[in-house]
N, C-alpha and C. Protein backbone atom coordinates (compact mmCIF):
# COMPACT_ATOMS: atom_id res chain seq x y z
N UNK A 1 -26.54 -59.82 -89.58
CA UNK A 1 -27.69 -58.94 -89.45
C UNK A 1 -28.06 -58.81 -87.97
N UNK A 2 -28.37 -57.62 -87.55
CA UNK A 2 -28.76 -57.36 -86.17
C UNK A 2 -30.25 -57.61 -86.02
N UNK A 3 -30.60 -58.45 -85.07
CA UNK A 3 -32.01 -58.72 -84.80
C UNK A 3 -32.57 -57.55 -84.00
N UNK A 4 -33.74 -57.10 -84.38
CA UNK A 4 -34.36 -56.00 -83.62
C UNK A 4 -35.86 -56.15 -83.66
N UNK A 5 -36.53 -55.51 -82.72
CA UNK A 5 -37.98 -55.53 -82.63
C UNK A 5 -38.43 -54.42 -81.72
N UNK A 6 -39.72 -54.23 -81.67
CA UNK A 6 -40.31 -53.18 -80.84
C UNK A 6 -40.70 -53.76 -79.49
N UNK A 7 -40.07 -53.29 -78.42
CA UNK A 7 -40.36 -53.74 -77.07
C UNK A 7 -41.26 -52.75 -76.36
N UNK A 8 -41.39 -52.93 -75.06
CA UNK A 8 -42.28 -52.07 -74.30
C UNK A 8 -41.84 -52.02 -72.83
N UNK A 9 -42.00 -50.86 -72.21
CA UNK A 9 -41.78 -50.71 -70.77
C UNK A 9 -43.14 -50.84 -70.10
N UNK A 10 -43.21 -51.70 -69.07
CA UNK A 10 -44.47 -51.94 -68.38
C UNK A 10 -44.27 -51.72 -66.89
N UNK A 11 -45.25 -51.14 -66.25
CA UNK A 11 -45.22 -50.93 -64.80
C UNK A 11 -46.28 -51.82 -64.17
N UNK A 12 -45.91 -52.54 -63.13
CA UNK A 12 -46.85 -53.36 -62.37
C UNK A 12 -46.73 -52.96 -60.90
N UNK A 13 -47.84 -53.03 -60.22
CA UNK A 13 -47.87 -52.69 -58.80
C UNK A 13 -48.20 -53.94 -58.01
N UNK A 14 -47.55 -54.11 -56.87
CA UNK A 14 -47.87 -55.24 -56.00
C UNK A 14 -48.00 -54.72 -54.58
N UNK A 15 -48.94 -55.27 -53.88
CA UNK A 15 -49.20 -54.86 -52.50
C UNK A 15 -48.72 -55.96 -51.56
N UNK A 16 -47.90 -55.56 -50.59
CA UNK A 16 -47.43 -56.46 -49.55
C UNK A 16 -47.77 -55.80 -48.24
N UNK A 17 -48.74 -56.36 -47.54
CA UNK A 17 -49.21 -55.73 -46.31
C UNK A 17 -49.84 -54.38 -46.64
N UNK A 18 -49.35 -53.33 -46.00
CA UNK A 18 -49.87 -51.98 -46.25
C UNK A 18 -49.04 -51.20 -47.27
N UNK A 19 -48.02 -51.82 -47.82
CA UNK A 19 -47.14 -51.12 -48.76
C UNK A 19 -47.44 -51.54 -50.20
N UNK A 20 -47.30 -50.58 -51.11
CA UNK A 20 -47.44 -50.86 -52.53
C UNK A 20 -46.08 -50.65 -53.18
N UNK A 21 -45.62 -51.65 -53.91
CA UNK A 21 -44.33 -51.59 -54.57
C UNK A 21 -44.53 -51.46 -56.07
N UNK A 22 -43.64 -50.73 -56.71
CA UNK A 22 -43.68 -50.54 -58.15
C UNK A 22 -42.59 -51.40 -58.78
N UNK A 23 -42.97 -52.15 -59.82
CA UNK A 23 -42.00 -52.96 -60.56
C UNK A 23 -42.02 -52.51 -62.01
N UNK A 24 -40.85 -52.39 -62.60
CA UNK A 24 -40.72 -52.01 -64.00
C UNK A 24 -40.18 -53.20 -64.78
N UNK A 25 -40.78 -53.49 -65.91
CA UNK A 25 -40.36 -54.59 -66.77
C UNK A 25 -40.09 -54.07 -68.17
N UNK A 26 -39.11 -54.65 -68.82
CA UNK A 26 -38.87 -54.37 -70.23
C UNK A 26 -39.20 -55.64 -70.99
N UNK A 27 -40.19 -55.57 -71.85
CA UNK A 27 -40.56 -56.71 -72.67
C UNK A 27 -39.71 -56.72 -73.93
N UNK A 28 -39.10 -57.86 -74.18
CA UNK A 28 -38.24 -58.04 -75.36
C UNK A 28 -39.00 -58.92 -76.33
N UNK A 29 -39.12 -58.51 -77.58
CA UNK A 29 -39.85 -59.32 -78.55
C UNK A 29 -39.26 -60.74 -78.66
N UNK A 30 -40.12 -61.71 -78.86
CA UNK A 30 -39.69 -63.10 -78.99
C UNK A 30 -38.67 -63.28 -80.09
N UNK A 31 -38.86 -62.59 -81.19
CA UNK A 31 -37.92 -62.75 -82.31
C UNK A 31 -36.52 -62.31 -81.94
N UNK A 32 -36.39 -61.37 -81.02
CA UNK A 32 -35.07 -60.91 -80.57
C UNK A 32 -34.53 -61.89 -79.52
N UNK A 33 -35.37 -62.25 -78.54
CA UNK A 33 -34.93 -63.11 -77.44
C UNK A 33 -34.56 -64.51 -77.90
N UNK A 34 -35.15 -64.98 -78.99
CA UNK A 34 -34.84 -66.33 -79.50
C UNK A 34 -33.76 -66.33 -80.57
N UNK A 35 -33.25 -65.16 -80.90
CA UNK A 35 -32.16 -65.08 -81.87
C UNK A 35 -30.93 -65.78 -81.27
N UNK A 36 -30.20 -66.48 -82.09
CA UNK A 36 -29.03 -67.23 -81.60
C UNK A 36 -27.95 -66.33 -81.00
N UNK A 37 -27.95 -65.06 -81.33
CA UNK A 37 -26.94 -64.16 -80.78
C UNK A 37 -27.42 -63.41 -79.52
N UNK A 38 -28.65 -63.69 -79.06
CA UNK A 38 -29.16 -63.05 -77.84
C UNK A 38 -28.31 -63.51 -76.66
N UNK A 39 -27.73 -62.58 -75.88
CA UNK A 39 -26.70 -62.96 -74.91
C UNK A 39 -27.20 -63.40 -73.53
N UNK A 40 -28.51 -63.49 -73.30
CA UNK A 40 -29.01 -63.79 -71.96
C UNK A 40 -29.91 -65.02 -71.97
N UNK A 41 -30.01 -65.65 -70.79
CA UNK A 41 -30.90 -66.79 -70.59
C UNK A 41 -31.98 -66.38 -69.58
N UNK A 42 -33.16 -66.99 -69.64
CA UNK A 42 -34.21 -66.66 -68.67
C UNK A 42 -33.71 -66.83 -67.23
N UNK A 43 -34.00 -65.86 -66.40
CA UNK A 43 -33.61 -65.90 -64.99
C UNK A 43 -32.20 -65.40 -64.70
N UNK A 44 -31.43 -65.14 -65.74
CA UNK A 44 -30.06 -64.65 -65.55
C UNK A 44 -30.08 -63.25 -64.95
N UNK A 45 -29.18 -63.01 -64.01
CA UNK A 45 -29.09 -61.68 -63.40
C UNK A 45 -28.25 -60.77 -64.30
N UNK A 46 -28.65 -59.51 -64.38
CA UNK A 46 -27.97 -58.55 -65.24
C UNK A 46 -27.69 -57.26 -64.50
N UNK A 47 -26.70 -56.53 -64.98
CA UNK A 47 -26.40 -55.19 -64.49
C UNK A 47 -27.05 -54.22 -65.48
N UNK A 48 -27.77 -53.25 -64.96
CA UNK A 48 -28.43 -52.25 -65.80
C UNK A 48 -27.93 -50.88 -65.39
N UNK A 49 -27.48 -50.11 -66.37
CA UNK A 49 -27.00 -48.75 -66.06
C UNK A 49 -27.36 -47.83 -67.22
N UNK A 50 -27.31 -46.56 -66.93
CA UNK A 50 -27.55 -45.54 -67.95
C UNK A 50 -26.21 -44.87 -68.22
N UNK A 51 -25.84 -44.81 -69.49
CA UNK A 51 -24.57 -44.19 -69.89
C UNK A 51 -24.81 -43.42 -71.19
N UNK A 52 -24.49 -42.16 -71.18
CA UNK A 52 -24.66 -41.30 -72.35
C UNK A 52 -26.08 -41.41 -72.93
N UNK A 53 -27.08 -41.33 -72.05
CA UNK A 53 -28.50 -41.39 -72.43
C UNK A 53 -28.90 -42.70 -73.10
N UNK A 54 -28.15 -43.77 -72.83
CA UNK A 54 -28.49 -45.09 -73.35
C UNK A 54 -28.60 -46.07 -72.20
N UNK A 55 -29.50 -47.02 -72.34
CA UNK A 55 -29.66 -48.07 -71.35
C UNK A 55 -28.71 -49.21 -71.71
N UNK A 56 -27.83 -49.57 -70.79
CA UNK A 56 -26.85 -50.63 -71.02
C UNK A 56 -27.23 -51.82 -70.13
N UNK A 57 -27.35 -52.99 -70.73
CA UNK A 57 -27.67 -54.22 -70.00
C UNK A 57 -26.53 -55.20 -70.24
N UNK A 58 -25.91 -55.65 -69.15
CA UNK A 58 -24.77 -56.56 -69.25
C UNK A 58 -24.95 -57.71 -68.29
N UNK A 59 -24.38 -58.86 -68.59
CA UNK A 59 -24.44 -59.98 -67.65
C UNK A 59 -23.78 -59.60 -66.33
N UNK A 60 -24.38 -60.03 -65.23
CA UNK A 60 -23.79 -59.78 -63.92
C UNK A 60 -22.73 -60.84 -63.66
N UNK A 61 -21.55 -60.42 -63.28
CA UNK A 61 -20.47 -61.35 -62.95
C UNK A 61 -20.72 -61.80 -61.51
N UNK A 62 -20.98 -63.07 -61.34
CA UNK A 62 -21.22 -63.58 -59.98
C UNK A 62 -19.89 -63.77 -59.29
N UNK A 63 -19.86 -63.33 -58.03
CA UNK A 63 -18.65 -63.50 -57.25
C UNK A 63 -18.54 -64.96 -56.83
N UNK A 64 -17.35 -65.51 -56.96
CA UNK A 64 -17.14 -66.89 -56.55
C UNK A 64 -17.11 -66.96 -55.04
N UNK A 65 -17.82 -67.95 -54.49
CA UNK A 65 -17.83 -68.15 -53.04
C UNK A 65 -16.63 -69.00 -52.65
N UNK A 66 -15.88 -68.54 -51.65
CA UNK A 66 -14.71 -69.32 -51.20
C UNK A 66 -14.88 -69.80 -49.81
């Protein structure tokens, strides 16, 4: 069974010096984020792209430092 829930897009503004920055957040319902098949961990970096009018979120592959 696919876990699903109703999320929300939220905009927050932060002021640094004389500049105001806009931040966008996607809230994921707890029931989805705590599902055993949820593929991300808190703080994990992700790649976000738009493809065929869909939002795609994938784990970011970290480059190995040599």
